[in-house]
């Protein structure tokens, strides 16, 4: 169905930017269950065209994802700063920062800071962990206080970037941002699509936000 047809039906158009790194099935199913009509796009510039919301998935490594992003970096950055509702998950959240020690390439720079390896004995972190000190209404609405993680790297905001941290987690004594938000751009280091009912409720809350913003536009 074309973007024009979806707009006519009132369906919420959600674009998942695919870095080409893995299976997006569980994420797409979660977005569809939350009421979105999902389109997967491999071109960064096209990913922010004719859509109501953008999702940056949590699959892959920073360097190849940044390489795929590079051609449309400015277009995507402009769209995010222009208010496009965006959800970055795990690697997707890390791409909201300036860069990463995991590999070369530029991030979107929405949140000032850099991605570094977990300062922990047990790396990667795989499994359930608590989400603490949450301030984002999306987290409160979904009652998400435990979430599923699969990561070796975490974001380290600068002093300026700390203002956008909305929740925290800790692994082996290393405390790191579990979630960030700047305007309509939301990032989670955890995987909401794998975080049981509260995680799916969080996805629905994000899509509700996108729907509300579309109606008010």
N, C-alpha and C. Protein backbone atom coordinates (compact mmCIF):
# COMPACT_ATOMS: atom_id res chain seq x y z
N UNK A 1 0.85 -1.19 0.00
CA UNK A 1 0.00 0.00 0.00
C UNK A 1 0.89 1.24 0.00
N UNK A 2 0.55 2.22 -0.82
CA UNK A 2 1.36 3.43 -0.94
C UNK A 2 1.22 4.31 0.29
N UNK A 3 2.17 5.26 0.46
CA UNK A 3 2.09 6.19 1.58
C UNK A 3 0.81 7.01 1.51
N UNK A 4 0.38 7.37 0.28
CA UNK A 4 -0.84 8.16 0.13
C UNK A 4 -2.06 7.36 0.58
N UNK A 5 -2.08 6.06 0.25
CA UNK A 5 -3.21 5.21 0.65
C UNK A 5 -3.25 5.03 2.15
N UNK A 6 -2.08 4.84 2.77
CA UNK A 6 -2.03 4.69 4.22
C UNK A 6 -2.49 5.97 4.90
N UNK A 7 -2.10 7.11 4.35
CA UNK A 7 -2.51 8.38 4.93
C UNK A 7 -4.03 8.53 4.86
N UNK A 8 -4.61 8.07 3.74
CA UNK A 8 -6.05 8.18 3.56
C UNK A 8 -6.81 7.30 4.54
N UNK A 9 -6.26 6.13 4.87
CA UNK A 9 -6.94 5.22 5.80
C UNK A 9 -6.79 5.65 7.25
N UNK A 10 -5.89 6.57 7.52
CA UNK A 10 -5.65 6.99 8.90
C UNK A 10 -4.69 6.10 9.65
N UNK A 11 -4.11 5.10 8.97
CA UNK A 11 -3.17 4.19 9.62
C UNK A 11 -1.89 4.93 10.00
N UNK A 12 -1.34 4.59 11.15
CA UNK A 12 -0.09 5.19 11.59
C UNK A 12 1.06 4.55 10.83
N UNK A 13 1.78 5.36 10.07
CA UNK A 13 2.88 4.87 9.24
C UNK A 13 4.17 4.86 10.06
N UNK A 14 4.74 3.67 10.22
CA UNK A 14 5.97 3.50 11.00
C UNK A 14 7.04 2.94 10.09
N UNK A 15 8.18 3.60 10.03
CA UNK A 15 9.30 3.13 9.22
C UNK A 15 10.40 2.60 10.12
N UNK A 16 10.84 1.37 9.85
CA UNK A 16 11.99 0.78 10.53
C UNK A 16 13.19 0.91 9.60
N UNK A 17 14.23 1.59 10.06
CA UNK A 17 15.45 1.73 9.26
C UNK A 17 16.29 0.48 9.46
N UNK A 18 16.47 -0.29 8.41
CA UNK A 18 17.17 -1.57 8.47
C UNK A 18 18.64 -1.38 8.08
N UNK A 19 19.54 -1.66 9.03
CA UNK A 19 20.98 -1.56 8.74
C UNK A 19 21.49 -2.80 8.01
N UNK A 20 20.62 -3.78 7.80
CA UNK A 20 21.01 -5.00 7.12
C UNK A 20 21.75 -5.97 8.01
N UNK A 21 21.53 -5.90 9.33
CA UNK A 21 22.35 -6.67 10.25
C UNK A 21 21.63 -7.82 10.93
N UNK A 22 20.33 -7.95 10.79
CA UNK A 22 19.70 -9.05 11.52
C UNK A 22 18.21 -9.13 11.32
N UNK A 23 17.62 -10.07 12.07
CA UNK A 23 16.19 -10.36 11.98
C UNK A 23 15.38 -9.31 12.72
N UNK A 24 14.46 -8.67 12.03
CA UNK A 24 13.64 -7.63 12.63
C UNK A 24 12.23 -8.12 12.95
N UNK A 25 12.00 -9.43 12.87
CA UNK A 25 10.65 -9.97 12.97
C UNK A 25 9.96 -9.59 14.27
N UNK A 26 10.62 -9.80 15.42
CA UNK A 26 9.97 -9.53 16.70
C UNK A 26 9.65 -8.05 16.86
N UNK A 27 10.53 -7.18 16.36
CA UNK A 27 10.28 -5.74 16.44
C UNK A 27 9.10 -5.34 15.57
N UNK A 28 9.06 -5.83 14.34
CA UNK A 28 7.96 -5.50 13.44
C UNK A 28 6.64 -5.99 14.02
N UNK A 29 6.63 -7.19 14.59
CA UNK A 29 5.40 -7.72 15.18
C UNK A 29 4.95 -6.87 16.36
N UNK A 30 5.88 -6.40 17.18
CA UNK A 30 5.53 -5.55 18.32
C UNK A 30 4.94 -4.23 17.85
N UNK A 31 5.50 -3.65 16.80
CA UNK A 31 4.99 -2.39 16.26
C UNK A 31 3.61 -2.57 15.65
N UNK A 32 3.42 -3.68 14.95
CA UNK A 32 2.11 -3.95 14.37
C UNK A 32 1.07 -4.19 15.47
N UNK A 33 1.47 -4.91 16.52
CA UNK A 33 0.55 -5.15 17.64
C UNK A 33 0.18 -3.85 18.33
N UNK A 34 1.06 -2.87 18.28
CA UNK A 34 0.79 -1.58 18.89
C UNK A 34 -0.03 -0.65 18.02
N UNK A 35 -0.37 -1.09 16.81
CA UNK A 35 -1.23 -0.29 15.95
C UNK A 35 -0.54 0.36 14.77
N UNK A 36 0.74 0.06 14.56
CA UNK A 36 1.45 0.67 13.45
C UNK A 36 1.37 -0.15 12.18
N UNK A 37 1.40 0.53 11.04
CA UNK A 37 1.56 -0.12 9.74
C UNK A 37 3.02 0.07 9.36
N UNK A 38 3.77 -1.03 9.30
CA UNK A 38 5.23 -0.96 9.30
C UNK A 38 5.80 -1.12 7.90
N UNK A 39 6.76 -0.27 7.59
CA UNK A 39 7.54 -0.35 6.35
C UNK A 39 9.01 -0.42 6.74
N UNK A 40 9.73 -1.38 6.19
CA UNK A 40 11.17 -1.52 6.45
C UNK A 40 11.92 -0.88 5.29
N UNK A 41 12.83 0.03 5.65
CA UNK A 41 13.55 0.83 4.64
C UNK A 41 15.05 0.73 4.88
N UNK A 42 15.82 0.52 3.81
CA UNK A 42 17.27 0.40 3.93
C UNK A 42 18.01 1.69 3.58
N UNK A 43 17.30 2.68 3.07
CA UNK A 43 17.90 3.97 2.71
C UNK A 43 17.57 4.99 3.79
N UNK A 44 18.60 5.60 4.39
CA UNK A 44 18.39 6.48 5.54
C UNK A 44 17.58 7.71 5.18
N UNK A 45 17.82 8.30 4.03
CA UNK A 45 17.07 9.50 3.65
C UNK A 45 15.61 9.18 3.38
N UNK A 46 15.35 8.06 2.71
CA UNK A 46 13.96 7.69 2.43
C UNK A 46 13.22 7.26 3.70
N UNK A 47 13.97 6.80 4.70
CA UNK A 47 13.34 6.32 5.94
C UNK A 47 12.60 7.41 6.68
N UNK A 48 12.94 8.67 6.43
CA UNK A 48 12.28 9.77 7.15
C UNK A 48 11.31 10.52 6.25
N UNK A 49 10.99 9.94 5.11
CA UNK A 49 10.02 10.54 4.20
C UNK A 49 8.69 9.79 4.29
N UNK A 50 7.58 10.52 4.22
CA UNK A 50 6.25 9.92 4.19
C UNK A 50 6.04 8.92 5.32
N UNK A 51 6.38 9.33 6.53
CA UNK A 51 6.20 8.45 7.68
C UNK A 51 5.76 9.28 8.88
N UNK A 52 5.07 8.60 9.81
CA UNK A 52 4.64 9.26 11.04
C UNK A 52 5.59 8.99 12.20
N UNK A 53 6.39 7.94 12.08
CA UNK A 53 7.33 7.58 13.16
C UNK A 53 8.47 6.79 12.57
N UNK A 54 9.63 6.92 13.18
CA UNK A 54 10.84 6.21 12.77
C UNK A 54 11.32 5.33 13.90
N UNK A 55 11.75 4.11 13.57
CA UNK A 55 12.33 3.21 14.57
C UNK A 55 13.72 2.79 14.10
N UNK A 56 14.70 2.96 14.98
CA UNK A 56 16.08 2.52 14.75
C UNK A 56 16.28 1.25 15.56
N UNK A 57 16.37 0.09 14.92
CA UNK A 57 16.35 -1.18 15.65
C UNK A 57 17.65 -1.47 16.38
N UNK A 58 17.59 -2.49 17.23
CA UNK A 58 18.71 -2.80 18.10
C UNK A 58 19.53 -3.98 17.66
N UNK A 59 19.72 -4.13 16.37
CA UNK A 59 20.45 -5.28 15.85
C UNK A 59 21.68 -4.78 15.10
N UNK A 60 22.87 -5.38 15.40
CA UNK A 60 24.06 -5.06 14.63
C UNK A 60 25.13 -4.34 15.43
N UNK A 61 26.16 -3.89 14.74
CA UNK A 61 27.29 -3.18 15.32
C UNK A 61 27.32 -1.75 14.82
N UNK A 62 27.97 -0.87 15.59
CA UNK A 62 27.90 0.56 15.31
C UNK A 62 28.50 0.92 13.95
N UNK A 63 29.69 0.42 13.62
CA UNK A 63 30.38 0.86 12.41
C UNK A 63 29.59 0.57 11.13
N UNK A 64 29.13 -0.66 10.90
CA UNK A 64 28.35 -0.89 9.68
C UNK A 64 27.03 -0.15 9.67
N UNK A 65 26.41 0.02 10.85
CA UNK A 65 25.16 0.78 10.92
C UNK A 65 25.41 2.24 10.57
N UNK A 66 26.49 2.82 11.10
CA UNK A 66 26.84 4.21 10.79
C UNK A 66 27.16 4.37 9.31
N UNK A 67 27.78 3.36 8.71
CA UNK A 67 28.08 3.42 7.28
C UNK A 67 26.80 3.46 6.46
N UNK A 68 25.81 2.65 6.86
CA UNK A 68 24.52 2.65 6.16
C UNK A 68 23.77 3.97 6.38
N UNK A 69 24.00 4.57 7.53
CA UNK A 69 23.35 5.83 7.87
C UNK A 69 23.97 7.02 7.15
N UNK A 70 25.25 6.92 6.81
CA UNK A 70 26.04 8.07 6.37
C UNK A 70 25.40 8.83 5.21
N UNK A 71 24.89 8.13 4.22
CA UNK A 71 24.36 8.80 3.03
C UNK A 71 23.16 9.68 3.32
N UNK A 72 22.40 9.34 4.35
CA UNK A 72 21.22 10.12 4.70
C UNK A 72 21.30 10.73 6.08
N UNK A 73 22.52 10.86 6.60
CA UNK A 73 22.70 11.33 7.97
C UNK A 73 22.06 12.70 8.21
N UNK A 74 22.34 13.64 7.33
CA UNK A 74 21.82 14.99 7.53
C UNK A 74 20.30 15.02 7.41
N UNK A 75 19.76 14.27 6.45
CA UNK A 75 18.30 14.22 6.28
C UNK A 75 17.63 13.64 7.51
N UNK A 76 18.20 12.57 8.05
CA UNK A 76 17.61 11.96 9.24
C UNK A 76 17.79 12.87 10.45
N UNK A 77 18.94 13.47 10.60
CA UNK A 77 19.17 14.38 11.74
C UNK A 77 18.19 15.55 11.68
N UNK A 78 17.99 16.11 10.50
CA UNK A 78 17.06 17.23 10.35
C UNK A 78 15.64 16.80 10.71
N UNK A 79 15.25 15.59 10.31
CA UNK A 79 13.90 15.10 10.61
C UNK A 79 13.71 14.92 12.11
N UNK A 80 14.72 14.39 12.78
CA UNK A 80 14.62 14.18 14.23
C UNK A 80 14.54 15.52 14.96
N UNK A 81 15.39 16.46 14.56
CA UNK A 81 15.34 17.78 15.18
C UNK A 81 14.06 18.52 14.81
N UNK A 82 13.46 18.14 13.69
CA UNK A 82 12.21 18.75 13.27
C UNK A 82 10.98 18.18 13.96
N UNK A 83 11.16 17.16 14.81
CA UNK A 83 10.05 16.65 15.60
C UNK A 83 9.53 15.29 15.23
N UNK A 84 10.15 14.59 14.26
CA UNK A 84 9.67 13.26 13.89
C UNK A 84 9.78 12.31 15.08
N UNK A 85 8.67 11.71 15.53
CA UNK A 85 8.75 10.75 16.63
C UNK A 85 9.66 9.59 16.25
N UNK A 86 10.65 9.33 17.09
CA UNK A 86 11.67 8.34 16.78
C UNK A 86 11.96 7.50 18.02
N UNK A 87 12.06 6.19 17.80
CA UNK A 87 12.42 5.26 18.87
C UNK A 87 13.69 4.53 18.46
N UNK A 88 14.78 4.73 19.22
CA UNK A 88 16.03 4.02 19.00
C UNK A 88 16.21 2.94 20.06
N UNK A 89 16.43 1.71 19.63
CA UNK A 89 16.51 0.57 20.54
C UNK A 89 17.93 0.00 20.52
N UNK A 90 18.54 -0.12 21.70
CA UNK A 90 19.88 -0.71 21.87
C UNK A 90 20.87 -0.01 20.93
N UNK A 91 21.32 -0.65 19.87
CA UNK A 91 22.19 0.02 18.91
C UNK A 91 21.52 1.29 18.37
N UNK A 92 20.21 1.23 18.17
CA UNK A 92 19.48 2.41 17.69
C UNK A 92 19.60 3.58 18.64
N UNK A 93 19.56 3.31 19.95
CA UNK A 93 19.78 4.38 20.92
C UNK A 93 21.21 4.90 20.82
N UNK A 94 22.18 4.00 20.66
CA UNK A 94 23.58 4.41 20.58
C UNK A 94 23.83 5.29 19.36
N UNK A 95 23.07 5.07 18.28
CA UNK A 95 23.22 5.90 17.09
C UNK A 95 22.72 7.32 17.31
N UNK A 96 21.97 7.54 18.38
CA UNK A 96 21.52 8.89 18.71
C UNK A 96 22.65 9.74 19.28
N UNK A 97 23.77 9.11 19.65
CA UNK A 97 24.92 9.82 20.23
C UNK A 97 25.91 10.20 19.13
N UNK A 98 27.03 10.78 19.52
CA UNK A 98 27.97 11.34 18.55
C UNK A 98 28.81 10.29 17.84
N UNK A 99 29.22 9.25 18.56
CA UNK A 99 30.08 8.23 18.00
C UNK A 99 30.26 7.10 18.99
N UNK A 100 31.08 6.10 18.60
CA UNK A 100 31.23 4.91 19.44
C UNK A 100 32.64 4.36 19.39
N UNK A 101 33.09 3.85 20.53
CA UNK A 101 34.37 3.16 20.58
C UNK A 101 34.30 1.79 19.90
N UNK A 102 33.08 1.33 19.59
CA UNK A 102 32.93 0.04 18.94
C UNK A 102 33.46 0.06 17.51
N UNK A 103 33.46 1.24 16.90
CA UNK A 103 33.94 1.33 15.53
C UNK A 103 33.78 2.73 14.99
N UNK A 104 34.33 3.00 13.80
CA UNK A 104 34.28 4.34 13.22
C UNK A 104 32.89 4.69 12.70
N UNK A 105 32.71 5.95 12.42
CA UNK A 105 31.45 6.44 11.86
C UNK A 105 30.78 7.42 12.79
N UNK A 106 29.98 8.29 12.21
CA UNK A 106 29.29 9.32 12.98
C UNK A 106 27.88 8.88 13.33
N UNK A 107 27.49 9.19 14.58
CA UNK A 107 26.11 9.03 14.98
C UNK A 107 25.31 10.27 14.64
N UNK A 108 24.05 10.29 15.08
CA UNK A 108 23.16 11.38 14.75
C UNK A 108 23.39 12.62 15.61
N UNK A 109 24.06 12.47 16.76
CA UNK A 109 24.38 13.62 17.59
C UNK A 109 23.18 14.28 18.23
N UNK A 110 22.08 13.55 18.41
CA UNK A 110 20.91 14.12 19.06
C UNK A 110 21.17 14.30 20.56
N UNK A 111 21.87 13.34 21.15
CA UNK A 111 22.26 13.41 22.56
C UNK A 111 23.78 13.52 22.62
N UNK A 112 24.33 14.57 23.22
CA UNK A 112 25.78 14.71 23.30
C UNK A 112 26.39 13.58 24.14
N UNK A 113 27.41 12.95 23.58
CA UNK A 113 28.08 11.88 24.31
C UNK A 113 28.63 10.84 23.36
N UNK A 114 29.21 9.81 23.94
CA UNK A 114 29.87 8.77 23.16
C UNK A 114 29.55 7.40 23.75
N UNK A 115 29.60 6.39 22.91
CA UNK A 115 29.31 5.02 23.32
C UNK A 115 30.62 4.31 23.67
N UNK A 116 30.63 3.66 24.83
CA UNK A 116 31.83 2.96 25.30
C UNK A 116 31.46 1.54 25.73
N UNK A 117 32.48 0.69 25.85
CA UNK A 117 32.25 -0.68 26.29
C UNK A 117 31.86 -0.70 27.76
N UNK A 118 30.99 -1.63 28.12
CA UNK A 118 30.61 -1.81 29.51
C UNK A 118 31.85 -2.03 30.38
N UNK A 119 31.88 -1.37 31.51
CA UNK A 119 32.98 -1.54 32.48
C UNK A 119 32.59 -2.65 33.44
N UNK A 120 32.63 -3.87 32.94
CA UNK A 120 32.12 -5.01 33.71
C UNK A 120 32.94 -6.25 33.39
N UNK A 121 32.92 -7.20 34.32
CA UNK A 121 33.59 -8.48 34.09
C UNK A 121 32.77 -9.33 33.12
N UNK A 122 31.46 -9.32 33.31
CA UNK A 122 30.58 -10.13 32.47
C UNK A 122 30.07 -9.29 31.29
N UNK A 123 30.67 -9.51 30.14
CA UNK A 123 30.30 -8.81 28.91
C UNK A 123 30.20 -9.87 27.80
N UNK A 124 29.13 -9.89 27.04
CA UNK A 124 28.01 -8.94 27.04
C UNK A 124 27.06 -9.16 28.21
N UNK A 125 26.23 -8.14 28.43
CA UNK A 125 25.11 -8.27 29.35
C UNK A 125 23.94 -8.86 28.55
N UNK A 126 23.51 -10.04 28.95
CA UNK A 126 22.39 -10.67 28.26
C UNK A 126 21.41 -11.15 29.32
N UNK A 127 20.20 -10.63 29.27
CA UNK A 127 19.18 -11.04 30.22
C UNK A 127 18.43 -9.86 30.81
N UNK A 128 17.73 -10.13 31.89
CA UNK A 128 16.84 -9.14 32.50
C UNK A 128 17.59 -8.27 33.51
N UNK A 129 17.21 -7.01 33.56
CA UNK A 129 17.82 -6.07 34.50
C UNK A 129 16.77 -5.02 34.86
N UNK A 130 16.96 -4.40 36.01
CA UNK A 130 16.02 -3.39 36.46
C UNK A 130 16.24 -2.06 35.73
N UNK A 131 15.18 -1.30 35.62
CA UNK A 131 15.21 0.05 35.05
C UNK A 131 14.81 0.99 36.18
N UNK A 132 15.75 1.86 36.57
CA UNK A 132 15.57 2.67 37.79
C UNK A 132 15.45 4.16 37.47
N UNK A 133 14.91 4.89 38.45
CA UNK A 133 14.88 6.35 38.40
C UNK A 133 14.28 6.88 37.09
N UNK A 134 13.21 6.24 36.64
CA UNK A 134 12.59 6.62 35.38
C UNK A 134 11.81 7.92 35.53
N UNK A 135 11.97 8.82 34.56
CA UNK A 135 11.26 10.10 34.57
C UNK A 135 10.39 10.29 33.34
N UNK A 136 10.54 9.45 32.31
CA UNK A 136 9.77 9.60 31.08
C UNK A 136 8.35 9.07 31.30
N UNK A 137 7.36 9.83 30.86
CA UNK A 137 5.96 9.40 31.02
C UNK A 137 5.68 8.13 30.24
N UNK A 138 6.42 7.85 29.18
CA UNK A 138 6.22 6.62 28.43
C UNK A 138 6.58 5.40 29.27
N UNK A 139 7.64 5.51 30.06
CA UNK A 139 8.01 4.43 30.96
C UNK A 139 6.99 4.28 32.08
N UNK A 140 6.54 5.40 32.60
CA UNK A 140 5.54 5.35 33.67
C UNK A 140 4.24 4.75 33.18
N UNK A 141 3.83 5.10 31.98
CA UNK A 141 2.57 4.61 31.43
C UNK A 141 2.59 3.10 31.21
N UNK A 142 3.76 2.55 30.94
CA UNK A 142 3.87 1.12 30.67
C UNK A 142 4.28 0.31 31.89
N UNK A 143 4.57 0.99 33.00
CA UNK A 143 5.01 0.31 34.24
C UNK A 143 6.21 -0.59 33.97
N UNK A 144 7.12 -0.12 33.14
CA UNK A 144 8.29 -0.93 32.77
C UNK A 144 9.42 -0.64 33.76
N UNK A 145 9.66 -1.56 34.67
CA UNK A 145 10.76 -1.40 35.62
C UNK A 145 11.77 -2.54 35.56
N UNK A 146 11.51 -3.54 34.71
CA UNK A 146 12.45 -4.62 34.44
C UNK A 146 12.43 -4.84 32.94
N UNK A 147 13.60 -4.96 32.32
CA UNK A 147 13.65 -5.06 30.86
C UNK A 147 14.75 -6.02 30.43
N UNK A 148 14.66 -6.41 29.16
CA UNK A 148 15.62 -7.38 28.60
C UNK A 148 16.73 -6.64 27.86
N UNK A 149 17.97 -7.01 28.19
CA UNK A 149 19.16 -6.41 27.58
C UNK A 149 19.97 -7.46 26.81
N UNK A 150 20.65 -6.98 25.78
CA UNK A 150 21.64 -7.79 25.06
C UNK A 150 22.66 -6.82 24.49
N UNK A 151 23.67 -6.47 25.30
CA UNK A 151 24.59 -5.40 24.86
C UNK A 151 25.96 -5.54 25.51
N UNK A 152 26.95 -5.08 24.77
CA UNK A 152 28.31 -4.97 25.27
C UNK A 152 28.74 -3.53 25.44
N UNK A 153 28.03 -2.61 24.79
CA UNK A 153 28.37 -1.19 24.81
C UNK A 153 27.20 -0.40 25.38
N UNK A 154 27.53 0.74 25.98
CA UNK A 154 26.51 1.62 26.56
C UNK A 154 26.88 3.07 26.26
N UNK A 155 25.88 3.94 26.33
CA UNK A 155 26.10 5.35 26.06
C UNK A 155 26.63 6.07 27.29
N UNK A 156 27.57 6.97 27.08
CA UNK A 156 28.13 7.82 28.14
C UNK A 156 27.87 9.29 27.75
N UNK A 157 26.81 9.87 28.26
CA UNK A 157 26.51 11.26 27.90
C UNK A 157 27.55 12.23 28.46
N UNK A 158 27.75 13.34 27.76
CA UNK A 158 28.51 14.45 28.33
C UNK A 158 27.66 15.11 29.41
N UNK A 159 28.23 16.11 30.06
CA UNK A 159 27.45 16.85 31.06
C UNK A 159 26.18 17.42 30.44
N UNK A 160 26.30 17.93 29.21
CA UNK A 160 25.13 18.47 28.52
C UNK A 160 24.14 17.36 28.18
N UNK A 161 24.65 16.18 27.84
CA UNK A 161 23.78 15.07 27.48
C UNK A 161 23.04 14.46 28.65
N UNK A 162 23.56 14.66 29.86
CA UNK A 162 22.91 14.09 31.04
C UNK A 162 21.49 14.59 31.21
N UNK A 163 21.19 15.77 30.71
CA UNK A 163 19.85 16.33 30.85
C UNK A 163 18.80 15.50 30.11
N UNK A 164 19.23 14.65 29.18
CA UNK A 164 18.29 13.87 28.37
C UNK A 164 18.15 12.42 28.85
N UNK A 165 18.86 12.06 29.91
CA UNK A 165 18.74 10.69 30.45
C UNK A 165 17.45 10.60 31.26
N UNK A 166 16.64 9.58 30.95
CA UNK A 166 15.33 9.44 31.60
C UNK A 166 15.20 8.17 32.44
N UNK A 167 16.22 7.32 32.45
CA UNK A 167 16.20 6.12 33.29
C UNK A 167 17.61 5.53 33.32
N UNK A 168 17.88 4.71 34.34
CA UNK A 168 19.21 4.13 34.54
C UNK A 168 19.10 2.63 34.80
N UNK A 169 20.19 1.93 34.48
CA UNK A 169 20.36 0.53 34.88
C UNK A 169 21.80 0.35 35.33
N UNK A 170 22.07 -0.79 35.96
CA UNK A 170 23.42 -1.08 36.45
C UNK A 170 23.75 -2.54 36.17
N UNK A 171 24.97 -2.78 35.68
CA UNK A 171 25.45 -4.13 35.41
C UNK A 171 26.86 -4.28 35.97
N UNK A 172 27.03 -5.20 36.90
CA UNK A 172 28.35 -5.43 37.54
C UNK A 172 28.96 -4.15 38.08
N UNK A 173 28.14 -3.29 38.66
CA UNK A 173 28.64 -2.05 39.25
C UNK A 173 28.78 -0.90 38.27
N UNK A 174 28.52 -1.12 36.99
CA UNK A 174 28.60 -0.06 35.99
C UNK A 174 27.19 0.50 35.77
N UNK A 175 26.96 1.74 36.18
CA UNK A 175 25.66 2.40 36.03
C UNK A 175 25.65 3.17 34.72
N UNK A 176 24.61 2.97 33.93
CA UNK A 176 24.58 3.55 32.59
C UNK A 176 23.14 3.94 32.25
N UNK A 177 22.96 4.82 31.26
CA UNK A 177 21.61 5.23 30.87
C UNK A 177 20.82 4.06 30.26
N UNK A 178 19.66 3.81 30.84
CA UNK A 178 18.75 2.81 30.28
C UNK A 178 17.86 3.42 29.22
N UNK A 179 17.61 4.73 29.33
CA UNK A 179 16.74 5.41 28.37
C UNK A 179 17.12 6.87 28.29
N UNK A 180 16.88 7.45 27.13
CA UNK A 180 17.10 8.89 26.91
C UNK A 180 15.90 9.43 26.15
N UNK A 181 15.72 10.73 26.27
CA UNK A 181 14.68 11.38 25.46
C UNK A 181 15.04 12.83 25.24
N UNK A 182 14.92 13.22 23.99
CA UNK A 182 15.07 14.64 23.62
C UNK A 182 13.92 15.00 22.70
N UNK A 183 12.97 15.75 23.20
CA UNK A 183 11.78 16.07 22.41
C UNK A 183 10.98 14.81 22.11
N UNK A 184 10.78 14.54 20.83
CA UNK A 184 10.04 13.35 20.41
C UNK A 184 10.95 12.17 20.09
N UNK A 185 12.23 12.31 20.38
CA UNK A 185 13.20 11.24 20.12
C UNK A 185 13.46 10.48 21.42
N UNK A 186 13.17 9.19 21.39
CA UNK A 186 13.29 8.34 22.58
C UNK A 186 14.30 7.23 22.28
N UNK A 187 15.17 6.92 23.22
CA UNK A 187 16.10 5.82 23.06
C UNK A 187 16.06 4.91 24.27
N UNK A 188 16.16 3.60 24.03
CA UNK A 188 16.23 2.62 25.12
C UNK A 188 17.41 1.70 24.88
N UNK A 189 18.26 1.52 25.89
CA UNK A 189 19.35 0.57 25.76
C UNK A 189 18.81 -0.87 25.80
N UNK A 190 17.70 -1.06 26.46
CA UNK A 190 17.05 -2.38 26.51
C UNK A 190 16.20 -2.60 25.26
N UNK A 191 15.72 -3.83 25.12
CA UNK A 191 14.86 -4.21 24.00
C UNK A 191 13.41 -4.28 24.48
N UNK A 192 12.59 -3.26 24.23
CA UNK A 192 11.20 -3.33 24.68
C UNK A 192 10.42 -4.46 24.00
N UNK A 193 10.76 -4.75 22.75
CA UNK A 193 10.03 -5.79 22.02
C UNK A 193 10.27 -7.18 22.60
N UNK A 194 11.28 -7.32 23.45
CA UNK A 194 11.59 -8.60 24.10
C UNK A 194 11.36 -8.55 25.60
N UNK A 195 10.72 -7.48 26.07
CA UNK A 195 10.56 -7.24 27.51
C UNK A 195 9.15 -7.51 28.01
N UNK A 196 8.56 -8.59 27.49
CA UNK A 196 7.26 -9.07 27.96
C UNK A 196 6.18 -7.99 27.82
N UNK A 197 5.10 -8.12 28.58
CA UNK A 197 3.95 -7.22 28.43
C UNK A 197 4.29 -5.76 28.69
N UNK A 198 5.09 -5.42 29.72
CA UNK A 198 5.43 -4.00 29.91
C UNK A 198 6.22 -3.42 28.73
N UNK A 199 7.08 -4.22 28.13
CA UNK A 199 7.82 -3.73 26.97
C UNK A 199 6.92 -3.43 25.79
N UNK A 200 5.94 -4.32 25.55
CA UNK A 200 4.99 -4.08 24.47
C UNK A 200 4.11 -2.88 24.79
N UNK A 201 3.79 -2.69 26.08
CA UNK A 201 3.02 -1.51 26.48
C UNK A 201 3.82 -0.24 26.23
N UNK A 202 5.13 -0.30 26.42
CA UNK A 202 6.00 0.85 26.14
C UNK A 202 5.98 1.18 24.64
N UNK A 203 6.05 0.15 23.80
CA UNK A 203 5.97 0.37 22.35
C UNK A 203 4.65 1.02 21.99
N UNK A 204 3.56 0.53 22.58
CA UNK A 204 2.25 1.13 22.31
C UNK A 204 2.19 2.58 22.77
N UNK A 205 2.81 2.88 23.92
CA UNK A 205 2.82 4.26 24.42
C UNK A 205 3.58 5.17 23.46
N UNK A 206 4.68 4.67 22.88
CA UNK A 206 5.42 5.47 21.90
C UNK A 206 4.56 5.71 20.65
N UNK A 207 3.88 4.66 20.18
CA UNK A 207 3.03 4.82 19.00
C UNK A 207 1.85 5.73 19.29
N UNK A 208 1.32 5.68 20.50
CA UNK A 208 0.25 6.62 20.90
C UNK A 208 0.75 8.06 20.83
N UNK A 209 1.99 8.28 21.29
CA UNK A 209 2.59 9.60 21.19
C UNK A 209 2.64 10.05 19.73
N UNK A 210 3.11 9.16 18.85
CA UNK A 210 3.19 9.50 17.43
C UNK A 210 1.82 9.81 16.86
N UNK A 211 0.82 9.05 17.26
CA UNK A 211 -0.54 9.30 16.78
C UNK A 211 -1.06 10.65 17.24
N UNK A 212 -0.79 10.97 18.49
CA UNK A 212 -1.24 12.26 19.04
C UNK A 212 -0.57 13.41 18.30
N UNK A 213 0.70 13.28 18.04
CA UNK A 213 1.42 14.34 17.34
C UNK A 213 0.93 14.49 15.90
N UNK A 214 0.59 13.37 15.28
CA UNK A 214 0.06 13.45 13.91
C UNK A 214 -1.27 14.18 13.88
N UNK A 215 -2.14 13.89 14.86
CA UNK A 215 -3.45 14.53 14.90
C UNK A 215 -3.35 16.03 15.14
N UNK A 216 -2.31 16.42 15.90
CA UNK A 216 -2.18 17.84 16.24
C UNK A 216 -1.41 18.64 15.20
N UNK A 217 -0.85 17.93 14.22
CA UNK A 217 -0.03 18.60 13.19
C UNK A 217 -0.92 19.43 12.25
